[in-house]
């Protein structure tokens, strides 16, 4: 499921001006596909402002998301790789963002489980910072 979601939904950029811009950029494919609405992006940013960096799952890896009712129309995930880390509040550097959308409280659990498998493998986790193409990322992701 993870490989399916990430296919065509990856972006590699050198740098962004702010963590808010990183979230907006990571969410763009979901917005373009109608999976989320603009309000969902605003809600993801507001979540960080209200709740802090809870979206940072591991050092330099974040998973921006919001509640389904904030403007999600479906399940989706994107991958954004930054060559230069962006600083989240508290000067927390992030280089990889997996932006998540779900249209129900439990509709995304399989996707998160797949992502958890990827991130729990230390070798694969480290390779996330080295990938330079969508195909290289997809090669890391198990079916």
C-alpha atoms as a PDB file:
ATOM      1  CA  UNK A   1       0.000   0.000   0.000  1.00  0.00           C
ATOM      2  CA  UNK A   2       2.846   2.408   0.813  1.00  0.00           C
ATOM      3  CA  UNK A   3       4.515   1.881  -2.557  1.00  0.00           C
ATOM      4  CA  UNK A   4       1.187   2.445  -4.311  1.00  0.00           C
ATOM      5  CA  UNK A   5       0.585   5.713  -2.446  1.00  0.00           C
ATOM      6  CA  UNK A   6       4.081   7.098  -3.012  1.00  0.00           C
ATOM      7  CA  UNK A   7       4.218   6.325  -6.742  1.00  0.00           C
ATOM      8  CA  UNK A   8       3.903   9.670  -8.514  1.00  0.00           C
ATOM      9  CA  UNK A   9       3.751  11.495  -5.179  1.00  0.00           C
ATOM     10  CA  UNK A  10       7.428  12.159  -4.506  1.00  0.00           C
ATOM     11  CA  UNK A  11       9.377  15.379  -4.716  1.00  0.00           C
ATOM     12  CA  UNK A  12      13.057  16.159  -4.264  1.00  0.00           C
ATOM     13  CA  UNK A  13      14.145  19.743  -3.645  1.00  0.00           C
ATOM     14  CA  UNK A  14      17.310  21.364  -2.411  1.00  0.00           C
ATOM     15  CA  UNK A  15      15.837  23.697   0.163  1.00  0.00           C
ATOM     16  CA  UNK A  16      12.674  25.419   1.360  1.00  0.00           C
ATOM     17  CA  UNK A  17      12.294  28.694   3.206  1.00  0.00           C
ATOM     18  CA  UNK A  18      10.301  27.434   6.193  1.00  0.00           C
ATOM     19  CA  UNK A  19       8.712  24.377   7.749  1.00  0.00           C
ATOM     20  CA  UNK A  20       5.322  25.751   6.703  1.00  0.00           C
ATOM     21  CA  UNK A  21       6.515  25.844   3.090  1.00  0.00           C
ATOM     22  CA  UNK A  22       7.756  22.252   3.439  1.00  0.00           C
ATOM     23  CA  UNK A  23       4.314  21.123   4.603  1.00  0.00           C
ATOM     24  CA  UNK A  24       2.619  23.017   1.744  1.00  0.00           C
ATOM     25  CA  UNK A  25       5.019  21.551  -0.817  1.00  0.00           C
ATOM     26  CA  UNK A  26       4.611  18.030   0.546  1.00  0.00           C
ATOM     27  CA  UNK A  27       0.822  18.362   0.411  1.00  0.00           C
ATOM     28  CA  UNK A  28       0.657  19.718  -3.159  1.00  0.00           C
ATOM     29  CA  UNK A  29       0.158  16.337  -4.903  1.00  0.00           C
ATOM     30  CA  UNK A  30      -2.699  15.454  -2.537  1.00  0.00           C
ATOM     31  CA  UNK A  31      -4.323  18.829  -3.203  1.00  0.00           C
ATOM     32  CA  UNK A  32      -3.895  18.453  -6.981  1.00  0.00           C
ATOM     33  CA  UNK A  33      -5.547  15.011  -6.868  1.00  0.00           C
ATOM     34  CA  UNK A  34      -8.481  16.284  -4.801  1.00  0.00           C
ATOM     35  CA  UNK A  35      -7.550  14.034  -1.874  1.00  0.00           C
ATOM     36  CA  UNK A  36      -7.327  17.071   0.401  1.00  0.00           C
ATOM     37  CA  UNK A  37      -8.630  20.619   0.390  1.00  0.00           C
ATOM     38  CA  UNK A  38      -6.615  23.777   1.104  1.00  0.00           C
ATOM     39  CA  UNK A  39      -8.100  23.835   4.631  1.00  0.00           C
ATOM     40  CA  UNK A  40      -6.349  20.527   5.369  1.00  0.00           C
ATOM     41  CA  UNK A  41      -2.953  22.104   4.674  1.00  0.00           C
ATOM     42  CA  UNK A  42      -3.785  25.002   6.987  1.00  0.00           C
ATOM     43  CA  UNK A  43      -4.866  22.499   9.656  1.00  0.00           C
ATOM     44  CA  UNK A  44      -1.557  20.586   9.394  1.00  0.00           C
ATOM     45  CA  UNK A  45       0.371  23.821   9.945  1.00  0.00           C
ATOM     46  CA  UNK A  46      -1.917  24.863  12.788  1.00  0.00           C
ATOM     47  CA  UNK A  47      -1.402  21.454  14.443  1.00  0.00           C
ATOM     48  CA  UNK A  48       2.321  22.129  14.710  1.00  0.00           C
ATOM     49  CA  UNK A  49       1.694  25.636  16.044  1.00  0.00           C
ATOM     50  CA  UNK A  50      -0.784  24.310  18.630  1.00  0.00           C
ATOM     51  CA  UNK A  51       0.801  20.975  19.559  1.00  0.00           C
ATOM     52  CA  UNK A  52       4.490  21.317  18.773  1.00  0.00           C
ATOM     53  CA  UNK A  53       6.655  18.919  16.821  1.00  0.00           C
ATOM     54  CA  UNK A  54       4.718  15.745  17.542  1.00  0.00           C
ATOM     55  CA  UNK A  55       4.755  15.093  13.784  1.00  0.00           C
ATOM     56  CA  UNK A  56       8.518  14.478  13.911  1.00  0.00           C
ATOM     57  CA  UNK A  57       8.548  10.682  14.175  1.00  0.00           C
ATOM     58  CA  UNK A  58      12.302  10.148  14.188  1.00  0.00           C
ATOM     59  CA  UNK A  59      15.272  12.481  13.861  1.00  0.00           C
ATOM     60  CA  UNK A  60      14.835  14.415  10.601  1.00  0.00           C
ATOM     61  CA  UNK A  61      11.621  12.590   9.584  1.00  0.00           C
ATOM     62  CA  UNK A  62       8.185  14.192   9.926  1.00  0.00           C
ATOM     63  CA  UNK A  63       4.666  13.065   9.081  1.00  0.00           C
ATOM     64  CA  UNK A  64       2.408  16.109   8.727  1.00  0.00           C
ATOM     65  CA  UNK A  65      -1.290  15.262   9.007  1.00  0.00           C
ATOM     66  CA  UNK A  66      -4.572  16.627  10.320  1.00  0.00           C
ATOM     67  CA  UNK A  67      -7.956  15.326  11.391  1.00  0.00           C
ATOM     68  CA  UNK A  68     -10.139  13.943   8.576  1.00  0.00           C
ATOM     69  CA  UNK A  69     -12.811  16.585   9.104  1.00  0.00           C
ATOM     70  CA  UNK A  70     -10.227  19.322   8.436  1.00  0.00           C
ATOM     71  CA  UNK A  71     -10.605  18.774   4.691  1.00  0.00           C
ATOM     72  CA  UNK A  72      -9.574  15.246   3.767  1.00  0.00           C
ATOM     73  CA  UNK A  73     -11.462  13.504   0.975  1.00  0.00           C
ATOM     74  CA  UNK A  74      -9.463  10.286   0.926  1.00  0.00           C
ATOM     75  CA  UNK A  75      -6.369   8.352   1.911  1.00  0.00           C
ATOM     76  CA  UNK A  76      -3.046   9.487   0.517  1.00  0.00           C
ATOM     77  CA  UNK A  77       0.625   9.939   1.281  1.00  0.00           C
ATOM     78  CA  UNK A  78       3.444  11.901  -0.307  1.00  0.00           C
ATOM     79  CA  UNK A  79       7.213  11.949   0.137  1.00  0.00           C
ATOM     80  CA  UNK A  80       9.266  15.146   0.188  1.00  0.00           C
ATOM     81  CA  UNK A  81      13.058  14.950   0.371  1.00  0.00           C
ATOM     82  CA  UNK A  82      15.038  18.084   1.210  1.00  0.00           C
ATOM     83  CA  UNK A  83      18.782  18.255   0.547  1.00  0.00           C
ATOM     84  CA  UNK A  84      19.080  20.923   3.246  1.00  0.00           C
ATOM     85  CA  UNK A  85      17.060  20.358   6.415  1.00  0.00           C
ATOM     86  CA  UNK A  86      14.296  22.789   7.305  1.00  0.00           C
ATOM     87  CA  UNK A  87      14.007  23.846  10.931  1.00  0.00           C
ATOM     88  CA  UNK A  88      10.742  23.170  12.728  1.00  0.00           C
ATOM     89  CA  UNK A  89       9.913  25.025  15.963  1.00  0.00           C
ATOM     90  CA  UNK A  90      12.620  24.574  18.578  1.00  0.00           C
ATOM     91  CA  UNK A  91      15.234  24.315  15.796  1.00  0.00           C
ATOM     92  CA  UNK A  92      14.356  20.674  15.038  1.00  0.00           C
ATOM     93  CA  UNK A  93      15.852  19.795  11.618  1.00  0.00           C
ATOM     94  CA  UNK A  94      13.785  17.759   9.147  1.00  0.00           C
ATOM     95  CA  UNK A  95      14.922  16.434   5.753  1.00  0.00           C
ATOM     96  CA  UNK A  96      12.142  13.945   4.949  1.00  0.00           C
ATOM     97  CA  UNK A  97       8.387  14.536   5.128  1.00  0.00           C
ATOM     98  CA  UNK A  98       5.720  11.878   4.610  1.00  0.00           C
ATOM     99  CA  UNK A  99       2.524  13.933   4.308  1.00  0.00           C
ATOM    100  CA  UNK A 100      -0.540  11.884   5.255  1.00  0.00           C
ATOM    101  CA  UNK A 101      -4.237  12.257   4.566  1.00  0.00           C
ATOM    102  CA  UNK A 102      -7.060  10.040   5.778  1.00  0.00           C
ATOM    103  CA  UNK A 103     -10.798  10.461   5.418  1.00  0.00           C
ATOM    104  CA  UNK A 104     -11.607   8.440   8.544  1.00  0.00           C
ATOM    105  CA  UNK A 105     -10.026   7.941  11.978  1.00  0.00           C
ATOM    106  CA  UNK A 106      -8.768   4.445  11.112  1.00  0.00           C
ATOM    107  CA  UNK A 107      -8.654   4.449   7.296  1.00  0.00           C
ATOM    108  CA  UNK A 108      -4.924   5.058   7.223  1.00  0.00           C
ATOM    109  CA  UNK A 109      -3.759   2.441   9.739  1.00  0.00           C
ATOM    110  CA  UNK A 110      -2.366   0.026   7.143  1.00  0.00           C
ATOM    111  CA  UNK A 111      -0.457   2.866   5.510  1.00  0.00           C
ATOM    112  CA  UNK A 112       1.033   3.949   8.843  1.00  0.00           C
ATOM    113  CA  UNK A 113       1.921   0.336   9.669  1.00  0.00           C
ATOM    114  CA  UNK A 114       3.784   0.048   6.349  1.00  0.00           C
ATOM    115  CA  UNK A 115       5.597   3.313   7.030  1.00  0.00           C
ATOM    116  CA  UNK A 116       6.447   2.083  10.536  1.00  0.00           C
ATOM    117  CA  UNK A 117       8.052  -1.042   9.075  1.00  0.00           C
ATOM    118  CA  UNK A 118      10.185   1.084   6.778  1.00  0.00           C
ATOM    119  CA  UNK A 119      11.267   3.487   9.511  1.00  0.00           C
ATOM    120  CA  UNK A 120      11.977   0.764  12.078  1.00  0.00           C
ATOM    121  CA  UNK A 121      14.624  -0.791   9.825  1.00  0.00           C
ATOM    122  CA  UNK A 122      17.763   1.227  10.670  1.00  0.00           C
ATOM    123  CA  UNK A 123      19.382   0.574   7.261  1.00  0.00           C
ATOM    124  CA  UNK A 124      16.295   1.670   5.337  1.00  0.00           C
ATOM    125  CA  UNK A 125      15.791   4.666   7.631  1.00  0.00           C
ATOM    126  CA  UNK A 126      19.337   5.874   6.874  1.00  0.00           C
ATOM    127  CA  UNK A 127      18.888   5.288   3.137  1.00  0.00           C
ATOM    128  CA  UNK A 128      15.867   7.615   3.111  1.00  0.00           C
ATOM    129  CA  UNK A 129      18.289  10.523   3.397  1.00  0.00           C
ATOM    130  CA  UNK A 130      20.338   9.300   0.432  1.00  0.00           C
ATOM    131  CA  UNK A 131      17.616   8.593  -2.151  1.00  0.00           C
ATOM    132  CA  UNK A 132      17.617  10.978  -5.093  1.00  0.00           C
ATOM    133  CA  UNK A 133      14.821   9.596  -7.267  1.00  0.00           C
ATOM    134  CA  UNK A 134      11.324   8.229  -6.854  1.00  0.00           C
ATOM    135  CA  UNK A 135      12.494   4.843  -8.122  1.00  0.00           C
ATOM    136  CA  UNK A 136      15.244   4.703  -5.497  1.00  0.00           C
ATOM    137  CA  UNK A 137      12.623   5.408  -2.821  1.00  0.00           C
ATOM    138  CA  UNK A 138      10.214   2.807  -4.184  1.00  0.00           C
ATOM    139  CA  UNK A 139      13.023   0.233  -4.243  1.00  0.00           C
ATOM    140  CA  UNK A 140      13.362   0.722  -0.462  1.00  0.00           C
ATOM    141  CA  UNK A 141       9.653   0.218   0.157  1.00  0.00           C
ATOM    142  CA  UNK A 142       8.472  -3.332   0.595  1.00  0.00           C
ATOM    143  CA  UNK A 143       5.150  -4.395  -0.920  1.00  0.00           C
END
